[in-house]
N, C-alpha and C. Protein backbone atom coordinates (compact mmCIF):
# COMPACT_ATOMS: atom_id res chain seq x y z
N UNK A 1 -19.60 -0.32 11.14
CA UNK A 1 -18.72 0.53 10.37
C UNK A 1 -19.03 0.31 8.87
N UNK A 2 -19.26 1.39 8.15
CA UNK A 2 -19.59 1.25 6.73
C UNK A 2 -18.32 1.08 5.90
N UNK A 3 -18.53 0.69 4.67
CA UNK A 3 -17.37 0.54 3.75
C UNK A 3 -16.61 1.83 3.58
N UNK A 4 -17.32 2.94 3.50
CA UNK A 4 -16.71 4.24 3.33
C UNK A 4 -15.88 4.58 4.54
N UNK A 5 -16.35 4.29 5.75
CA UNK A 5 -15.57 4.57 7.00
C UNK A 5 -14.30 3.67 6.99
N UNK A 6 -14.48 2.40 6.62
CA UNK A 6 -13.31 1.48 6.54
C UNK A 6 -12.28 2.01 5.55
N UNK A 7 -12.76 2.52 4.44
CA UNK A 7 -11.80 3.06 3.41
C UNK A 7 -11.01 4.25 4.01
N UNK A 8 -11.73 5.16 4.64
CA UNK A 8 -11.06 6.35 5.18
C UNK A 8 -10.06 5.95 6.30
N UNK A 9 -10.47 5.01 7.13
CA UNK A 9 -9.54 4.54 8.21
C UNK A 9 -8.33 3.90 7.61
N UNK A 10 -8.55 3.03 6.60
CA UNK A 10 -7.40 2.33 5.96
C UNK A 10 -6.43 3.34 5.29
N UNK A 11 -6.96 4.32 4.55
CA UNK A 11 -6.07 5.30 3.86
C UNK A 11 -5.34 6.17 4.84
N UNK A 12 -5.98 6.54 5.97
CA UNK A 12 -5.33 7.32 6.98
C UNK A 12 -4.19 6.54 7.64
N UNK A 13 -4.43 5.26 7.95
CA UNK A 13 -3.41 4.44 8.58
C UNK A 13 -2.24 4.21 7.61
N UNK A 14 -2.57 3.92 6.35
CA UNK A 14 -1.54 3.62 5.37
C UNK A 14 -0.69 4.92 5.15
N UNK A 15 -1.28 6.03 4.98
CA UNK A 15 -0.56 7.27 4.76
C UNK A 15 0.34 7.57 5.99
N UNK A 16 -0.14 7.39 7.16
CA UNK A 16 0.63 7.64 8.34
C UNK A 16 1.84 6.67 8.42
N UNK A 17 1.65 5.41 8.09
CA UNK A 17 2.73 4.45 8.08
C UNK A 17 3.75 4.77 7.04
N UNK A 18 3.35 5.12 5.85
CA UNK A 18 4.35 5.44 4.80
C UNK A 18 5.10 6.70 5.10
N UNK A 19 4.42 7.72 5.66
CA UNK A 19 5.06 8.94 6.03
C UNK A 19 6.11 8.73 7.12
N UNK A 20 5.85 7.81 8.05
CA UNK A 20 6.71 7.52 9.14
C UNK A 20 7.89 6.61 8.75
N UNK A 21 7.62 5.63 7.89
CA UNK A 21 8.61 4.59 7.60
C UNK A 21 9.17 4.66 6.19
N UNK A 22 8.53 5.39 5.29
CA UNK A 22 8.91 5.57 3.86
C UNK A 22 8.80 4.29 3.03
N UNK A 23 8.08 3.28 3.54
CA UNK A 23 7.82 2.06 2.77
C UNK A 23 6.52 1.45 3.26
N UNK A 24 6.05 0.40 2.53
CA UNK A 24 4.82 -0.26 2.91
C UNK A 24 5.01 -1.11 4.17
N UNK A 25 3.92 -1.47 4.86
CA UNK A 25 4.04 -2.27 6.05
C UNK A 25 4.57 -3.66 5.77
N UNK A 26 5.16 -4.29 6.74
CA UNK A 26 5.65 -5.66 6.52
C UNK A 26 4.56 -6.65 6.22
N UNK A 27 4.96 -7.76 5.53
CA UNK A 27 4.05 -8.78 5.19
C UNK A 27 3.36 -9.39 6.43
N UNK A 28 2.17 -9.97 6.19
CA UNK A 28 1.41 -10.66 7.21
C UNK A 28 0.96 -9.73 8.34
N UNK A 29 0.70 -8.46 8.03
CA UNK A 29 0.08 -7.55 8.97
C UNK A 29 -1.30 -7.16 8.45
N UNK A 30 -2.14 -6.69 9.31
CA UNK A 30 -3.48 -6.29 8.87
C UNK A 30 -3.46 -5.23 7.77
N UNK A 31 -2.56 -4.28 7.91
CA UNK A 31 -2.50 -3.18 6.94
C UNK A 31 -1.99 -3.73 5.59
N UNK A 32 -1.00 -4.61 5.60
CA UNK A 32 -0.48 -5.20 4.35
C UNK A 32 -1.62 -6.01 3.68
N UNK A 33 -2.36 -6.74 4.46
CA UNK A 33 -3.44 -7.56 3.87
C UNK A 33 -4.53 -6.63 3.26
N UNK A 34 -4.78 -5.49 3.87
CA UNK A 34 -5.75 -4.60 3.26
C UNK A 34 -5.24 -3.99 1.95
N UNK A 35 -3.97 -3.73 1.86
CA UNK A 35 -3.39 -3.24 0.61
C UNK A 35 -3.62 -4.29 -0.45
N UNK A 36 -3.33 -5.53 -0.15
CA UNK A 36 -3.53 -6.62 -1.16
C UNK A 36 -4.99 -6.66 -1.58
N UNK A 37 -5.90 -6.55 -0.59
CA UNK A 37 -7.34 -6.60 -0.91
C UNK A 37 -7.74 -5.51 -1.86
N UNK A 38 -7.35 -4.29 -1.56
CA UNK A 38 -7.76 -3.15 -2.36
C UNK A 38 -7.05 -3.19 -3.77
N UNK A 39 -5.78 -3.70 -3.81
CA UNK A 39 -5.17 -3.80 -5.15
C UNK A 39 -5.96 -4.85 -5.99
N UNK A 40 -6.38 -5.94 -5.34
CA UNK A 40 -7.14 -6.94 -6.08
C UNK A 40 -8.46 -6.35 -6.58
N UNK A 41 -9.12 -5.53 -5.78
CA UNK A 41 -10.35 -4.87 -6.23
C UNK A 41 -10.05 -3.90 -7.36
N UNK A 42 -8.95 -3.21 -7.32
CA UNK A 42 -8.55 -2.27 -8.37
C UNK A 42 -8.34 -3.04 -9.65
N UNK A 43 -7.63 -4.16 -9.60
CA UNK A 43 -7.36 -4.96 -10.79
C UNK A 43 -8.68 -5.53 -11.38
N UNK A 44 -9.59 -5.90 -10.49
CA UNK A 44 -10.87 -6.41 -10.96
C UNK A 44 -11.81 -5.34 -11.48
N UNK A 45 -11.49 -4.06 -11.23
CA UNK A 45 -12.27 -3.00 -11.69
C UNK A 45 -13.47 -2.65 -10.79
N UNK A 46 -13.46 -3.11 -9.55
CA UNK A 46 -14.58 -2.87 -8.67
C UNK A 46 -14.31 -1.76 -7.65
N UNK A 47 -13.07 -1.22 -7.72
CA UNK A 47 -12.75 -0.06 -6.85
C UNK A 47 -13.06 1.18 -7.66
N UNK A 48 -13.69 2.17 -7.02
CA UNK A 48 -14.04 3.38 -7.70
C UNK A 48 -12.79 4.12 -8.18
N UNK A 49 -12.96 4.91 -9.24
CA UNK A 49 -11.82 5.63 -9.78
C UNK A 49 -11.15 6.56 -8.76
N UNK A 50 -11.92 7.37 -8.02
CA UNK A 50 -11.26 8.23 -7.02
C UNK A 50 -10.53 7.43 -5.92
N UNK A 51 -11.08 6.29 -5.56
CA UNK A 51 -10.39 5.45 -4.54
C UNK A 51 -9.12 4.89 -5.11
N UNK A 52 -9.19 4.43 -6.36
CA UNK A 52 -7.97 3.88 -7.00
C UNK A 52 -6.88 4.95 -7.14
N UNK A 53 -7.23 6.13 -7.54
CA UNK A 53 -6.31 7.23 -7.60
C UNK A 53 -5.71 7.59 -6.27
N UNK A 54 -6.50 7.56 -5.19
CA UNK A 54 -6.02 7.88 -3.87
C UNK A 54 -5.04 6.83 -3.38
N UNK A 55 -5.38 5.54 -3.66
CA UNK A 55 -4.49 4.44 -3.23
C UNK A 55 -3.15 4.58 -4.00
N UNK A 56 -3.18 4.81 -5.26
CA UNK A 56 -1.96 4.95 -6.04
C UNK A 56 -1.14 6.13 -5.55
N UNK A 57 -1.82 7.27 -5.26
CA UNK A 57 -1.09 8.45 -4.79
C UNK A 57 -0.36 8.15 -3.47
N UNK A 58 -1.06 7.46 -2.57
CA UNK A 58 -0.45 7.11 -1.25
C UNK A 58 0.70 6.14 -1.44
N UNK A 59 0.53 5.14 -2.28
CA UNK A 59 1.58 4.15 -2.49
C UNK A 59 2.78 4.76 -3.17
N UNK A 60 2.60 5.78 -4.00
CA UNK A 60 3.70 6.44 -4.63
C UNK A 60 4.53 7.35 -3.70
N UNK A 61 4.09 7.50 -2.52
CA UNK A 61 4.77 8.28 -1.52
C UNK A 61 5.98 7.48 -0.98
N UNK A 62 6.07 6.20 -1.29
CA UNK A 62 7.16 5.32 -0.77
C UNK A 62 8.48 5.81 -1.32
N UNK A 63 9.55 5.47 -0.58
CA UNK A 63 10.94 5.69 -1.02
C UNK A 63 11.36 4.49 -1.74
N UNK A 64 11.39 4.59 -3.11
CA UNK A 64 11.69 3.42 -3.93
C UNK A 64 13.22 3.17 -4.01
N UNK A 65 14.09 4.07 -3.50
CA UNK A 65 15.49 3.88 -3.55
C UNK A 65 16.02 3.00 -2.40
N UNK A 66 15.20 2.85 -1.35
CA UNK A 66 15.58 2.06 -0.21
C UNK A 66 15.13 0.61 -0.37
N UNK A 67 16.05 -0.30 -0.19
CA UNK A 67 15.70 -1.71 -0.29
C UNK A 67 15.12 -2.16 1.05
N UNK A 68 13.88 -2.71 1.00
CA UNK A 68 13.16 -3.03 2.25
C UNK A 68 12.96 -4.53 2.41
N UNK A 69 13.59 -5.35 1.66
CA UNK A 69 13.44 -6.78 1.80
C UNK A 69 13.37 -7.44 0.43
N UNK A 70 13.26 -8.78 0.44
CA UNK A 70 13.21 -9.50 -0.78
C UNK A 70 14.59 -9.93 -1.18
N UNK A 71 14.71 -10.46 -2.36
CA UNK A 71 15.99 -10.98 -2.84
C UNK A 71 16.70 -9.93 -3.56
N UNK A 72 18.01 -9.99 -3.48
CA UNK A 72 18.89 -9.12 -4.22
C UNK A 72 19.72 -9.99 -5.14
N UNK A 73 19.99 -9.52 -6.33
CA UNK A 73 20.86 -10.28 -7.26
C UNK A 73 22.28 -10.19 -6.75
N UNK A 74 22.97 -11.33 -6.82
CA UNK A 74 24.38 -11.31 -6.42
C UNK A 74 25.14 -10.57 -7.48
N UNK A 75 26.02 -9.68 -7.05
CA UNK A 75 26.81 -8.91 -8.00
C UNK A 75 27.96 -9.83 -8.46
N UNK A 76 28.23 -9.69 -9.73
CA UNK A 76 29.33 -10.53 -10.28
C UNK A 76 30.63 -9.80 -10.00
N UNK A 77 31.60 -10.55 -9.46
CA UNK A 77 32.91 -9.96 -9.15
C UNK A 77 33.91 -10.49 -10.12
């Protein structure tokens, strides 16, 4: 499988997951690890501009109003 084929498979899986669940995949899954890998490549400047734009576009499809994990600040009463 070529790098281009891996990229297309990854973006198709990620887009399908975000459309179905409205957020990124859970930690320690293969898809989550691929997101981290491609974000690292984007930060290092080794990801092509069209690929970086496509990744950002897919990640921006998330529902940012829904809390999907992590810490919440305790509200002061």
